[in-house]
Amino acid sequence: MPFISVNVEKSIRYKILIPQVSLINFFRYFLAWCLGLALIFVSIGVNLNPKNHYSLFSTLVFYSFALFFTLNLVLLNNLTHLKGFSEDANRADITAVLEEYFGNAIPLATGRISRNVKAPKGLNSGRIVTVIFDRENVYINVTSIVGSRNIISPYHGLYNYIKCKRIARDFKRR
């Protein structure tokens, strides 16, 4: 399972998940970025070839794909900030919201960081839910994983970002 250890202090400061430095972590993120950048370069490269004569519509489609994949890569490790009241109340509220949102109980650890991993099955992607508690603040990230080797998906960044924003909205209602 891709259970990458996170540098909590730097993650909170920069509001993105920053993994601890290791060769495995470097390889996982390097692979995700390579897959994403390859698709961006292919989208742009095919269109820039002078032998290809594409219409304005296909040019817009290629650049839209490039923009979409760039946005996914940027939002891949984004932490969504939730302002709460106290750490105990935040734990209870976020547990209830995650249980309601994902349809099953997601146990949270008692430490500062809590992670829950759901392995991919068949064609369905898995997920890693990361919750960081910092006094009255909560930070959340959802990362999708795919394949039998549990590779971090560079194509679900926007989808997971929207998912975190919905969780934040439900958290604020409590």
Protein backbone atom coordinates (compact mmCIF):
# COMPACT_ATOMS: atom_id res chain seq x y z
CA MET A 1 0.00 0.00 0.00
CA PRO A 2 1.24 3.51 -0.74
CA PHE A 3 1.40 4.72 2.81
CA ILE A 4 3.79 7.60 2.32
CA SER A 5 4.95 9.27 5.51
CA VAL A 6 4.16 12.98 5.58
CA ASN A 7 6.18 15.88 6.93
CA VAL A 8 3.37 17.41 9.01
CA GLU A 9 4.96 20.77 9.86
CA LYS A 10 5.92 21.59 6.26
CA SER A 11 2.58 20.30 4.97
CA ILE A 12 0.68 22.66 7.27
CA ARG A 13 2.95 25.60 6.44
CA TYR A 14 2.65 25.18 2.63
CA LYS A 15 -0.90 23.70 2.60
CA ILE A 16 0.13 20.74 0.44
CA LEU A 17 1.06 17.18 1.37
CA ILE A 18 4.84 17.09 1.57
CA PRO A 19 6.22 13.56 1.92
CA GLN A 20 9.24 12.69 4.00
CA VAL A 21 12.30 12.53 1.80
CA SER A 22 13.03 8.96 0.70
CA LEU A 23 13.83 7.15 -2.52
CA ILE A 24 10.46 5.36 -2.61
CA ASN A 25 8.50 8.60 -2.09
CA PHE A 26 10.56 10.34 -4.75
CA PHE A 27 9.88 7.51 -7.20
CA ARG A 28 6.11 7.50 -6.55
CA TYR A 29 5.73 11.25 -7.11
CA PHE A 30 8.20 11.27 -9.99
CA LEU A 31 6.15 8.56 -11.73
CA ALA A 32 2.89 10.45 -11.16
CA TRP A 33 4.35 13.67 -12.54
CA CYS A 34 5.95 11.87 -15.51
CA LEU A 35 2.62 10.29 -16.47
CA GLY A 36 0.84 13.62 -16.20
CA LEU A 37 3.49 15.62 -18.03
CA ALA A 38 3.73 13.01 -20.80
CA LEU A 39 0.06 13.45 -21.57
CA ILE A 40 0.41 17.23 -21.54
CA PHE A 41 3.38 17.13 -23.93
CA VAL A 42 1.65 14.68 -26.25
CA SER A 43 -1.44 16.92 -26.34
CA ILE A 44 0.61 19.98 -27.22
CA GLY A 45 3.23 18.21 -29.36
CA VAL A 46 0.73 16.63 -31.74
CA ASN A 47 -0.81 20.01 -32.34
CA LEU A 48 2.50 21.82 -32.90
CA ASN A 49 3.71 19.41 -35.58
CA PRO A 50 3.78 21.47 -38.82
CA LYS A 51 2.79 18.42 -40.90
CA ASN A 52 -0.52 18.15 -39.06
CA HIS A 53 -3.26 20.51 -40.12
CA TYR A 54 -5.80 20.60 -37.34
CA SER A 55 -8.90 22.72 -37.15
CA LEU A 56 -9.45 25.37 -34.53
CA PHE A 57 -11.77 22.95 -32.69
CA SER A 58 -9.14 20.21 -32.37
CA THR A 59 -6.55 22.78 -31.30
CA LEU A 60 -8.87 23.93 -28.52
CA VAL A 61 -9.49 20.32 -27.50
CA PHE A 62 -5.74 19.56 -27.31
CA TYR A 63 -5.01 22.67 -25.24
CA SER A 64 -8.02 22.02 -23.01
CA PHE A 65 -6.62 18.56 -22.25
CA ALA A 66 -3.22 20.08 -21.50
CA LEU A 67 -4.78 22.66 -19.17
CA PHE A 68 -6.93 20.00 -17.47
CA PHE A 69 -3.96 17.71 -16.79
CA THR A 70 -1.81 20.60 -15.58
CA LEU A 71 -4.56 21.58 -13.15
CA ASN A 72 -4.79 17.96 -11.94
CA LEU A 73 -1.06 17.85 -11.22
CA VAL A 74 -1.15 21.14 -9.32
CA LEU A 75 -4.12 20.05 -7.17
CA LEU A 76 -2.83 16.50 -6.58
CA ASN A 77 -1.45 17.11 -3.05
CA ASN A 78 -3.48 20.16 -2.08
CA LEU A 79 -4.62 20.32 1.56
CA THR A 80 -8.07 21.76 2.21
CA HIS A 81 -8.17 23.85 5.37
CA LEU A 82 -11.12 23.44 7.75
CA LYS A 83 -11.55 25.85 10.64
CA GLY A 84 -13.02 24.17 13.69
CA PHE A 85 -13.47 24.81 17.42
CA SER A 86 -11.41 22.35 19.42
CA GLU A 87 -9.42 19.25 18.55
CA ASP A 88 -11.91 16.88 20.21
CA ALA A 89 -14.91 18.49 18.51
CA ASN A 90 -13.03 18.50 15.19
CA ARG A 91 -12.29 14.79 15.49
CA ALA A 92 -15.92 13.95 16.15
CA ASP A 93 -17.20 16.21 13.35
CA ILE A 94 -14.72 15.10 10.70
CA THR A 95 -15.32 11.44 11.57
CA ALA A 96 -19.07 11.93 11.12
CA VAL A 97 -18.62 13.83 7.83
CA LEU A 98 -16.20 11.25 6.39
CA GLU A 99 -18.48 8.40 7.43
CA GLU A 100 -21.43 10.15 5.80
CA TYR A 101 -19.46 11.04 2.68
CA PHE A 102 -17.68 7.74 2.01
CA GLY A 103 -20.46 5.49 3.28
CA ASN A 104 -18.37 3.56 5.79
CA ALA A 105 -16.65 4.32 9.06
CA ILE A 106 -13.16 5.76 8.64
CA PRO A 107 -11.31 5.31 11.91
CA LEU A 108 -9.08 8.22 12.86
CA ALA A 109 -5.87 7.73 14.82
CA THR A 110 -5.30 9.64 18.03
CA GLY A 111 -2.15 11.37 16.78
CA ARG A 112 -1.74 14.56 14.82
CA ILE A 113 -2.13 12.85 11.46
CA SER A 114 -4.59 10.16 10.48
CA ARG A 115 -4.70 8.24 7.21
CA ASN A 116 -7.11 5.74 5.78
CA VAL A 117 -6.34 3.66 2.70
CA LYS A 118 -8.86 1.86 0.52
CA ALA A 119 -7.18 -0.41 -2.02
CA PRO A 120 -8.30 -0.31 -5.67
CA LYS A 121 -10.47 -3.22 -6.78
CA GLY A 122 -10.90 -4.13 -10.41
CA LEU A 123 -11.49 -1.02 -12.49
CA ASN A 124 -12.37 1.13 -9.46
CA SER A 125 -9.67 3.38 -8.08
CA GLY A 126 -8.73 3.30 -4.42
CA ARG A 127 -8.14 6.27 -2.17
CA ILE A 128 -5.99 7.62 0.62
CA VAL A 129 -7.75 10.01 2.99
CA THR A 130 -5.28 12.10 4.99
CA VAL A 131 -6.46 14.22 7.91
CA ILE A 132 -4.06 16.49 9.82
CA PHE A 133 -5.12 18.07 13.13
CA ASP A 134 -3.51 21.32 14.25
CA ARG A 135 -5.24 22.63 17.38
CA GLU A 136 -8.51 24.15 16.10
CA ASN A 137 -7.58 23.60 12.43
CA VAL A 138 -8.09 20.49 10.32
CA TYR A 139 -6.44 19.83 6.96
CA ILE A 140 -7.74 17.15 4.61
CA ASN A 141 -6.54 15.57 1.39
CA VAL A 142 -7.97 12.76 -0.72
CA THR A 143 -5.62 11.03 -3.15
CA SER A 144 -6.69 8.41 -5.68
CA ILE A 145 -4.60 5.30 -6.29
CA VAL A 146 -4.90 2.96 -9.27
CA GLY A 147 -3.62 -0.37 -10.50
CA SER A 148 -2.27 -3.44 -8.84
CA ARG A 149 0.85 -1.53 -7.69
CA ASN A 150 -1.25 1.22 -6.05
CA ILE A 151 0.20 4.06 -8.09
CA ILE A 152 -0.87 7.60 -7.16
CA SER A 153 -3.14 8.78 -9.97
CA PRO A 154 -2.12 12.10 -11.54
CA TYR A 155 -5.50 12.34 -13.30
CA HIS A 156 -7.83 12.64 -10.28
CA GLY A 157 -6.45 15.84 -8.73
CA LEU A 158 -9.35 18.12 -9.65
CA TYR A 159 -11.95 15.50 -8.75
CA ASN A 160 -10.37 14.91 -5.34
CA TYR A 161 -10.01 18.67 -4.73
CA ILE A 162 -13.74 19.14 -5.37
CA LYS A 163 -14.42 16.19 -3.06
CA CYS A 164 -12.38 17.85 -0.28
CA LYS A 165 -14.22 21.15 -0.79
CA ARG A 166 -17.56 19.33 -0.40
CA ILE A 167 -16.30 17.68 2.78
CA ALA A 168 -15.23 21.14 4.03
CA ARG A 169 -18.70 22.53 3.28
CA ASP A 170 -20.37 19.71 5.22
CA PHE A 171 -17.86 20.13 8.07
CA LYS A 172 -18.74 23.84 8.39
CA ARG A 173 -22.45 23.02 8.65
CA ARG A 174 -21.87 21.01 11.85
